[in-house]
Amino acid sequence: MIDARDKSGKLLMTAQHFRFSGKAKAMKSEIDAGTLGDIYHARSWLLRRIAIPIRPGFLMKKHSGGGATIDIGVHILDLTLE
């Protein structure tokens, strides 16, 4: 994938789409502006409230490959570290 990106000159990123929401962009703007001062500690959580996943990968342990941590945990971790 890296080679394909380099050859195409396109942007390659993982699907961390939550960082483009209005709330996330507004918070990032405030952080970058220094409004919150130096951040040295963060605590975050995410609750899935929209729907139950329907793909077997999320419901069957033998297919899950990490469960909720990999399913939604990576998204809140990305927002916290971004």
N, C-alpha and C. Protein backbone atom coordinates (compact mmCIF):
# COMPACT_ATOMS: atom_id res chain seq x y z
N MET A 1 0.82 -1.19 0.00
CA MET A 1 0.00 0.00 0.00
C MET A 1 0.87 1.26 0.00
N ILE A 2 1.96 1.21 0.72
CA ILE A 2 2.86 2.36 0.76
C ILE A 2 3.45 2.60 -0.63
N ASP A 3 3.86 1.53 -1.30
CA ASP A 3 4.40 1.67 -2.66
C ASP A 3 3.36 2.27 -3.61
N ALA A 4 2.12 1.79 -3.51
CA ALA A 4 1.05 2.31 -4.37
C ALA A 4 0.81 3.79 -4.08
N ARG A 5 0.84 4.16 -2.80
CA ARG A 5 0.68 5.58 -2.44
C ARG A 5 1.79 6.43 -3.04
N ASP A 6 3.01 5.94 -2.89
CA ASP A 6 4.15 6.70 -3.39
C ASP A 6 4.09 6.87 -4.91
N LYS A 7 3.69 5.81 -5.61
CA LYS A 7 3.60 5.87 -7.07
C LYS A 7 2.47 6.79 -7.53
N SER A 8 1.37 6.81 -6.79
CA SER A 8 0.21 7.59 -7.20
C SER A 8 0.27 9.05 -6.76
N GLY A 9 1.05 9.33 -5.72
CA GLY A 9 1.10 10.68 -5.17
C GLY A 9 -0.13 11.04 -4.36
N LYS A 10 -0.94 10.04 -4.03
CA LYS A 10 -2.19 10.26 -3.28
C LYS A 10 -1.94 10.12 -1.78
N LEU A 11 -2.92 10.55 -1.01
CA LEU A 11 -2.88 10.42 0.44
C LEU A 11 -3.38 9.04 0.84
N LEU A 12 -2.70 8.42 1.76
CA LEU A 12 -3.11 7.12 2.29
C LEU A 12 -3.30 7.27 3.79
N MET A 13 -4.45 6.83 4.27
CA MET A 13 -4.69 6.87 5.70
C MET A 13 -5.58 5.71 6.11
N THR A 14 -5.55 5.39 7.39
CA THR A 14 -6.46 4.40 7.91
C THR A 14 -7.83 5.05 8.05
N ALA A 15 -8.83 4.26 8.29
CA ALA A 15 -10.21 4.77 8.33
C ALA A 15 -10.54 5.38 9.68
N GLN A 16 -9.81 6.40 10.07
CA GLN A 16 -10.08 7.10 11.32
C GLN A 16 -10.98 8.30 11.03
N HIS A 17 -12.18 8.00 10.59
CA HIS A 17 -13.10 9.02 10.11
C HIS A 17 -13.70 9.90 11.20
N PHE A 18 -13.67 9.47 12.46
CA PHE A 18 -14.24 10.29 13.53
C PHE A 18 -13.52 11.62 13.67
N ARG A 19 -12.25 11.68 13.30
CA ARG A 19 -11.48 12.91 13.48
C ARG A 19 -11.97 14.04 12.56
N PHE A 20 -12.82 13.72 11.59
CA PHE A 20 -13.32 14.73 10.68
C PHE A 20 -14.72 15.24 11.07
N SER A 21 -15.24 14.80 12.20
CA SER A 21 -16.54 15.29 12.66
C SER A 21 -16.39 16.74 13.13
N GLY A 22 -17.48 17.47 13.14
CA GLY A 22 -17.43 18.86 13.57
C GLY A 22 -16.91 19.03 14.98
N LYS A 23 -17.35 18.17 15.89
CA LYS A 23 -16.92 18.27 17.29
C LYS A 23 -15.43 18.00 17.44
N ALA A 24 -14.95 16.98 16.73
CA ALA A 24 -13.52 16.64 16.82
C ALA A 24 -12.67 17.75 16.22
N LYS A 25 -13.10 18.32 15.10
CA LYS A 25 -12.35 19.40 14.47
C LYS A 25 -12.35 20.65 15.34
N ALA A 26 -13.47 20.94 16.00
CA ALA A 26 -13.55 22.09 16.89
C ALA A 26 -12.62 21.92 18.09
N MET A 27 -12.62 20.72 18.67
CA MET A 27 -11.75 20.45 19.81
C MET A 27 -10.28 20.55 19.41
N LYS A 28 -9.94 20.00 18.26
CA LYS A 28 -8.56 20.05 17.77
C LYS A 28 -8.13 21.50 17.56
N SER A 29 -9.02 22.32 17.05
CA SER A 29 -8.73 23.74 16.84
C SER A 29 -8.42 24.44 18.17
N GLU A 30 -9.22 24.16 19.19
CA GLU A 30 -9.01 24.75 20.51
C GLU A 30 -7.68 24.28 21.12
N ILE A 31 -7.38 23.01 20.96
CA ILE A 31 -6.13 22.47 21.48
C ILE A 31 -4.95 23.13 20.78
N ASP A 32 -5.00 23.18 19.44
CA ASP A 32 -3.91 23.79 18.67
C ASP A 32 -3.73 25.27 19.00
N ALA A 33 -4.82 25.96 19.33
CA ALA A 33 -4.76 27.38 19.68
C ALA A 33 -4.20 27.60 21.09
N GLY A 34 -4.08 26.52 21.86
CA GLY A 34 -3.55 26.65 23.21
C GLY A 34 -4.59 27.02 24.25
N THR A 35 -5.85 27.00 23.89
CA THR A 35 -6.93 27.38 24.80
C THR A 35 -6.92 26.55 26.08
N LEU A 36 -6.58 25.28 25.95
CA LEU A 36 -6.60 24.38 27.11
C LEU A 36 -5.26 24.27 27.82
N GLY A 37 -4.27 25.01 27.35
CA GLY A 37 -2.94 24.93 27.95
C GLY A 37 -2.24 23.64 27.54
N ASP A 38 -1.23 23.27 28.30
CA ASP A 38 -0.49 22.04 28.04
C ASP A 38 -1.31 20.85 28.53
N ILE A 39 -1.60 19.93 27.65
CA ILE A 39 -2.35 18.74 28.02
C ILE A 39 -1.36 17.64 28.39
N TYR A 40 -1.44 17.15 29.60
CA TYR A 40 -0.53 16.11 30.05
C TYR A 40 -1.25 14.84 30.47
N HIS A 41 -2.57 14.86 30.46
CA HIS A 41 -3.35 13.67 30.83
C HIS A 41 -4.66 13.69 30.05
N ALA A 42 -5.08 12.54 29.60
CA ALA A 42 -6.37 12.45 28.90
C ALA A 42 -7.08 11.18 29.31
N ARG A 43 -8.37 11.25 29.32
CA ARG A 43 -9.22 10.09 29.63
C ARG A 43 -10.33 10.08 28.59
N SER A 44 -10.58 8.94 28.01
CA SER A 44 -11.59 8.89 26.95
C SER A 44 -12.37 7.59 26.99
N TRP A 45 -13.54 7.61 26.39
CA TRP A 45 -14.38 6.42 26.26
C TRP A 45 -15.31 6.61 25.09
N LEU A 46 -15.84 5.51 24.60
CA LEU A 46 -16.77 5.55 23.48
C LEU A 46 -17.83 4.49 23.71
N LEU A 47 -19.07 4.85 23.46
CA LEU A 47 -20.19 3.94 23.61
C LEU A 47 -20.90 3.83 22.27
N ARG A 48 -21.05 2.62 21.77
CA ARG A 48 -21.78 2.43 20.52
C ARG A 48 -23.26 2.49 20.84
N ARG A 49 -23.96 3.47 20.26
CA ARG A 49 -25.38 3.63 20.54
C ARG A 49 -26.24 3.54 19.29
N ILE A 50 -25.62 3.45 18.13
CA ILE A 50 -26.39 3.49 16.89
C ILE A 50 -27.04 2.16 16.56
N ALA A 51 -26.26 1.09 16.56
CA ALA A 51 -26.81 -0.21 16.17
C ALA A 51 -25.89 -1.33 16.64
N ILE A 52 -26.41 -2.51 16.62
CA ILE A 52 -25.62 -3.70 16.92
C ILE A 52 -24.92 -4.11 15.63
N PRO A 53 -23.62 -4.40 15.68
CA PRO A 53 -22.92 -4.84 14.47
C PRO A 53 -23.55 -6.10 13.91
N ILE A 54 -23.64 -6.20 12.62
CA ILE A 54 -24.29 -7.37 12.01
C ILE A 54 -23.30 -8.33 11.38
N ARG A 55 -22.06 -7.92 11.19
CA ARG A 55 -21.09 -8.83 10.58
C ARG A 55 -20.61 -9.84 11.61
N PRO A 56 -20.37 -11.08 11.21
CA PRO A 56 -19.93 -12.11 12.17
C PRO A 56 -18.64 -11.76 12.89
N GLY A 57 -17.79 -10.96 12.29
CA GLY A 57 -16.52 -10.62 12.91
C GLY A 57 -16.66 -9.95 14.26
N PHE A 58 -17.75 -9.25 14.48
CA PHE A 58 -17.94 -8.57 15.75
C PHE A 58 -18.71 -9.41 16.75
N LEU A 59 -19.42 -10.41 16.29
CA LEU A 59 -20.28 -11.19 17.17
C LEU A 59 -19.69 -12.53 17.57
N MET A 60 -18.81 -13.07 16.77
CA MET A 60 -18.24 -14.39 17.04
C MET A 60 -16.78 -14.25 17.44
N LYS A 61 -16.44 -14.72 18.62
CA LYS A 61 -15.09 -14.53 19.16
C LYS A 61 -14.01 -15.05 18.21
N LYS A 62 -14.26 -16.18 17.53
CA LYS A 62 -13.23 -16.73 16.65
C LYS A 62 -12.94 -15.83 15.45
N HIS A 63 -13.83 -14.89 15.14
CA HIS A 63 -13.63 -13.96 14.03
C HIS A 63 -13.32 -12.53 14.49
N SER A 64 -13.42 -12.27 15.78
CA SER A 64 -13.40 -10.87 16.23
C SER A 64 -12.03 -10.20 16.11
N GLY A 65 -10.95 -10.92 16.32
CA GLY A 65 -9.63 -10.34 16.17
C GLY A 65 -9.33 -9.18 17.10
N GLY A 66 -9.95 -9.12 18.24
CA GLY A 66 -9.66 -8.06 19.19
C GLY A 66 -10.90 -7.48 19.86
N GLY A 67 -12.06 -7.90 19.41
CA GLY A 67 -13.30 -7.46 20.04
C GLY A 67 -13.52 -5.97 19.99
N ALA A 68 -14.12 -5.45 21.04
CA ALA A 68 -14.49 -4.03 21.09
C ALA A 68 -13.28 -3.10 21.00
N THR A 69 -12.15 -3.54 21.52
CA THR A 69 -10.95 -2.69 21.45
C THR A 69 -10.58 -2.39 20.01
N ILE A 70 -10.63 -3.39 19.16
CA ILE A 70 -10.29 -3.20 17.76
C ILE A 70 -11.47 -2.59 17.00
N ASP A 71 -12.68 -2.95 17.37
CA ASP A 71 -13.88 -2.46 16.69
C ASP A 71 -14.04 -0.96 16.86
N ILE A 72 -14.22 -0.49 18.08
CA ILE A 72 -14.45 0.95 18.31
C ILE A 72 -13.36 1.60 19.14
N GLY A 73 -12.60 0.82 19.86
CA GLY A 73 -11.55 1.38 20.72
C GLY A 73 -10.50 2.17 19.95
N VAL A 74 -10.15 1.70 18.76
CA VAL A 74 -9.14 2.39 17.98
C VAL A 74 -9.59 3.80 17.60
N HIS A 75 -10.88 4.00 17.45
CA HIS A 75 -11.39 5.32 17.04
C HIS A 75 -11.26 6.34 18.17
N ILE A 76 -11.63 5.97 19.38
CA ILE A 76 -11.52 6.92 20.49
C ILE A 76 -10.06 7.13 20.85
N LEU A 77 -9.24 6.09 20.71
CA LEU A 77 -7.81 6.25 20.96
C LEU A 77 -7.21 7.24 19.95
N ASP A 78 -7.62 7.13 18.68
CA ASP A 78 -7.15 8.06 17.65
C ASP A 78 -7.54 9.49 18.00
N LEU A 79 -8.79 9.71 18.42
CA LEU A 79 -9.23 11.05 18.78
C LEU A 79 -8.45 11.60 19.98
N THR A 80 -8.17 10.73 20.93
CA THR A 80 -7.46 11.16 22.12
C THR A 80 -6.02 11.54 21.81
N LEU A 81 -5.38 10.78 20.94
CA LEU A 81 -3.98 11.04 20.62
C LEU A 81 -3.78 12.07 19.52
N GLU A 82 -4.78 12.28 18.68
CA GLU A 82 -4.67 13.21 17.56
C GLU A 82 -4.53 14.60 18.10
